[in-house]
């Protein structure tokens, strides 16, 4: 008991010495979000009703950390550069905005779809790459697009979208987020170009 009290007194004395307690450190983590262009109101009279299914991510992208690829097979997760929202949610947000502003589109429904609303077509997107890269190239983004008839699931269009690689210095993660944002918006434009015409009412 005496030994325990002596150790306790020593601990109290040591913690009272400010030189032995390191000062608090600022958290170096930075958070980034994807940002599309300012939304443009859709032209009046659009008739197409589009369903946007939940965005699918390649398994290695399901992380809050931003990712840098080194060579063909090495991935480096960035502990101090993270997405401020789930990556699939950020991509879906920009795609909804791009589809909603497209001429000819009257409504965009996100999954889960409302039971009391009919749709002309559904859009399914799988993200294959969404990362920075070292060495040649920089921001890297690729996705597949499937557009199906909402009534019978018939395939209307299938495309693979690969954005041109954009230069990135490997350090400025705000720029990487901006480059990937532009890629997602370009994906939205690709989807708009592949949409079928609205069925006559």
Protein backbone atom coordinates (compact mmCIF):
# COMPACT_ATOMS: atom_id res chain seq x y z
CA UNK A 1 0.00 0.00 0.00
CA UNK A 2 2.82 2.38 0.89
CA UNK A 3 4.56 1.58 -2.41
CA UNK A 4 1.34 2.26 -4.34
CA UNK A 5 0.85 5.62 -2.62
CA UNK A 6 4.47 6.53 -3.31
CA UNK A 7 4.06 5.72 -7.02
CA UNK A 8 0.82 7.69 -7.14
CA UNK A 9 2.50 10.72 -5.58
CA UNK A 10 5.36 10.43 -8.06
CA UNK A 11 2.92 10.34 -11.00
CA UNK A 12 1.10 13.41 -9.70
CA UNK A 13 4.39 15.23 -9.31
CA UNK A 14 5.54 14.30 -12.80
CA UNK A 15 2.28 15.32 -14.48
CA UNK A 16 2.56 18.66 -12.77
CA UNK A 17 5.74 19.36 -14.69
CA UNK A 18 4.62 21.03 -17.91
CA UNK A 19 7.83 20.02 -19.66
CA UNK A 20 6.82 16.35 -19.55
CA UNK A 21 3.39 16.81 -21.18
CA UNK A 22 3.53 17.43 -24.93
CA UNK A 23 1.43 20.34 -26.16
CA UNK A 24 -1.77 19.49 -28.05
CA UNK A 25 -1.29 18.96 -31.77
CA UNK A 26 -3.49 20.32 -34.54
CA UNK A 27 -5.23 17.61 -36.53
CA UNK A 28 -3.62 17.72 -40.01
CA UNK A 29 -6.51 15.90 -41.69
CA UNK A 30 -8.19 17.80 -44.53
CA UNK A 31 -11.58 16.92 -45.99
CA UNK A 32 -12.64 17.40 -49.61
CA UNK A 33 -15.89 17.14 -51.56
CA UNK A 34 -16.75 16.80 -55.21
CA UNK A 35 -18.30 19.97 -56.64
CA UNK A 36 -20.15 20.25 -59.92
CA UNK A 37 -20.70 23.43 -61.93
CA UNK A 38 -23.44 25.81 -60.74
CA UNK A 39 -26.79 24.14 -61.43
CA UNK A 40 -28.58 25.39 -64.55
CA UNK A 41 -32.38 25.34 -64.49
CA UNK A 42 -33.78 22.75 -66.88
CA UNK A 43 -35.60 23.98 -69.94
CA UNK A 44 -39.37 23.92 -69.53
CA UNK A 45 -41.30 21.14 -71.19
CA UNK A 46 -38.99 18.19 -70.53
CA UNK A 47 -40.87 14.90 -70.61
CA UNK A 48 -38.29 12.18 -69.91
CA UNK A 49 -38.54 10.61 -66.45
CA UNK A 50 -35.17 9.19 -65.40
CA UNK A 51 -34.33 6.92 -62.50
CA UNK A 52 -30.78 7.12 -61.17
CA UNK A 53 -29.78 3.92 -59.42
CA UNK A 54 -27.37 3.94 -56.50
CA UNK A 55 -23.82 4.51 -57.74
CA UNK A 56 -21.63 1.42 -57.43
CA UNK A 57 -17.95 1.75 -56.53
CA UNK A 58 -15.08 -0.62 -57.24
CA UNK A 59 -14.29 -2.29 -53.91
CA UNK A 60 -10.99 -0.48 -53.37
CA UNK A 61 -12.73 2.91 -53.63
CA UNK A 62 -15.01 2.23 -50.65
CA UNK A 63 -12.87 4.20 -48.24
CA UNK A 64 -13.10 7.71 -46.78
CA UNK A 65 -9.42 8.20 -47.66
CA UNK A 66 -8.46 9.67 -51.00
CA UNK A 67 -6.39 7.23 -53.02
CA UNK A 68 -3.18 7.59 -54.98
CA UNK A 69 -2.09 4.85 -57.35
CA UNK A 70 1.62 4.10 -57.72
CA UNK A 71 2.31 2.07 -60.82
CA UNK A 72 -0.20 -0.51 -61.95
CA UNK A 73 -0.84 -2.35 -58.69
CA UNK A 74 0.06 -0.26 -55.63
CA UNK A 75 -2.57 1.88 -53.90
CA UNK A 76 -1.76 4.41 -51.18
CA UNK A 77 -4.62 5.54 -48.94
CA UNK A 78 -4.10 9.10 -47.72
CA UNK A 79 -4.59 9.28 -43.94
CA UNK A 80 -4.73 13.09 -43.94
CA UNK A 81 -6.71 13.70 -47.16
CA UNK A 82 -10.23 12.34 -46.91
CA UNK A 83 -13.59 12.66 -48.61
CA UNK A 84 -16.03 14.79 -46.65
CA UNK A 85 -18.95 12.58 -47.75
CA UNK A 86 -19.16 9.02 -49.07
CA UNK A 87 -17.68 9.02 -52.56
CA UNK A 88 -20.71 7.30 -54.10
CA UNK A 89 -23.04 9.91 -52.57
CA UNK A 90 -20.94 12.79 -53.93
CA UNK A 91 -20.89 11.31 -57.43
CA UNK A 92 -24.65 10.66 -57.35
CA UNK A 93 -25.29 14.25 -56.26
CA UNK A 94 -23.45 15.71 -59.25
CA UNK A 95 -25.08 13.26 -61.68
CA UNK A 96 -28.55 14.17 -60.39
CA UNK A 97 -27.79 17.85 -60.93
CA UNK A 98 -26.48 17.24 -64.46
CA UNK A 99 -29.46 15.03 -65.42
CA UNK A 100 -31.95 17.43 -63.86
CA UNK A 101 -30.61 20.31 -65.95
CA UNK A 102 -30.63 18.35 -69.24
CA UNK A 103 -33.00 19.44 -72.01
CA UNK A 104 -35.79 16.95 -72.40
CA UNK A 105 -35.57 15.61 -68.83
CA UNK A 106 -38.64 16.34 -66.78
CA UNK A 107 -37.88 14.49 -63.54
CA UNK A 108 -34.99 12.61 -61.98
CA UNK A 109 -35.74 10.01 -59.30
CA UNK A 110 -33.07 8.61 -57.00
CA UNK A 111 -33.12 5.04 -55.71
CA UNK A 112 -35.11 3.89 -53.79
CA UNK A 113 -37.67 4.91 -56.39
CA UNK A 114 -41.12 6.12 -55.35
CA UNK A 115 -43.79 3.50 -55.95
CA UNK A 116 -46.36 6.02 -57.17
CA UNK A 117 -44.19 7.44 -59.99
CA UNK A 118 -43.46 5.86 -63.36
CA UNK A 119 -40.10 6.20 -65.12
CA UNK A 120 -39.07 5.96 -68.75
CA UNK A 121 -35.54 4.69 -68.14
CA UNK A 122 -33.08 3.88 -65.39
CA UNK A 123 -29.38 4.75 -65.29
CA UNK A 124 -26.85 2.51 -63.50
CA UNK A 125 -23.28 3.74 -63.01
CA UNK A 126 -20.27 1.77 -61.77
CA UNK A 127 -17.13 3.73 -60.92
CA UNK A 128 -14.01 1.81 -61.92
CA UNK A 129 -11.35 4.43 -61.08
CA UNK A 130 -11.43 7.68 -59.12
CA UNK A 131 -7.95 8.52 -57.83
CA UNK A 132 -4.73 10.39 -58.22
CA UNK A 133 -1.66 8.87 -59.81
CA UNK A 134 2.07 9.31 -59.58
CA UNK A 135 4.42 9.23 -62.53
CA UNK A 136 2.89 9.90 -65.93
CA UNK A 137 -0.63 11.25 -65.77
CA UNK A 138 -2.49 12.52 -62.73
CA UNK A 139 -6.21 12.39 -61.95
CA UNK A 140 -7.68 9.11 -63.19
CA UNK A 141 -11.38 8.43 -63.58
CA UNK A 142 -13.34 5.71 -65.40
CA UNK A 143 -16.89 4.35 -65.21
CA UNK A 144 -19.42 2.16 -66.98
CA UNK A 145 -22.95 3.30 -67.81
CA UNK A 146 -26.01 1.11 -68.37
CA UNK A 147 -29.31 2.66 -69.40
CA UNK A 148 -32.30 0.33 -69.28
CA UNK A 149 -36.01 0.61 -69.90
CA UNK A 150 -37.73 1.07 -66.55
CA UNK A 151 -40.66 -1.07 -67.63
CA UNK A 152 -39.02 -4.29 -68.77
CA UNK A 153 -35.32 -3.83 -67.97
CA UNK A 154 -34.35 -3.91 -71.65
CA UNK A 155 -30.85 -2.56 -72.25
CA UNK A 156 -31.03 0.72 -74.19
CA UNK A 157 -27.40 1.83 -74.03
CA UNK A 158 -24.11 0.68 -72.54
CA UNK A 159 -21.00 2.81 -72.51
CA UNK A 160 -17.56 2.91 -70.91
CA UNK A 161 -16.40 6.39 -69.97
CA UNK A 162 -12.68 7.09 -69.47
CA UNK A 163 -11.72 10.69 -68.68
CA UNK A 164 -8.47 12.03 -70.12
CA UNK A 165 -5.77 12.03 -67.44
CA UNK A 166 -5.12 15.50 -66.08
CA UNK A 167 -1.80 16.73 -64.65
CA UNK A 168 -1.52 16.64 -60.86
CA UNK A 169 1.55 17.24 -58.69
CA UNK A 170 0.84 14.44 -56.19
CA UNK A 171 0.48 16.84 -53.25
CA UNK A 172 -2.35 19.31 -53.85
CA UNK A 173 -5.41 17.27 -52.91
CA UNK A 174 -7.77 20.22 -53.35
CA UNK A 175 -6.74 20.27 -57.01
CA UNK A 176 -7.21 16.50 -57.25
CA UNK A 177 -10.76 16.87 -55.89
CA UNK A 178 -11.41 19.60 -58.47
CA UNK A 179 -10.09 17.47 -61.34
CA UNK A 180 -12.18 14.48 -60.30
CA UNK A 181 -15.22 16.75 -59.95
CA UNK A 182 -14.79 17.82 -63.58
CA UNK A 183 -14.52 14.16 -64.57
CA UNK A 184 -17.79 13.32 -62.80
CA UNK A 185 -19.52 16.22 -64.54
CA UNK A 186 -18.19 14.98 -67.90
CA UNK A 187 -19.60 11.54 -67.01
CA UNK A 188 -22.97 13.22 -66.46
CA UNK A 189 -22.78 14.81 -69.90
CA UNK A 190 -22.00 11.39 -71.39
CA UNK A 191 -25.10 9.96 -69.71
CA UNK A 192 -27.26 12.83 -71.00
CA UNK A 193 -26.02 12.19 -74.55
CA UNK A 194 -27.01 8.50 -74.27
CA UNK A 195 -30.54 9.04 -72.93
CA UNK A 196 -33.39 7.84 -75.14
CA UNK A 197 -36.06 10.26 -76.34
CA UNK A 198 -39.13 10.56 -74.20
CA UNK A 199 -42.07 8.35 -75.13
CA UNK A 200 -45.12 10.24 -76.40
CA UNK A 201 -47.67 10.75 -73.64
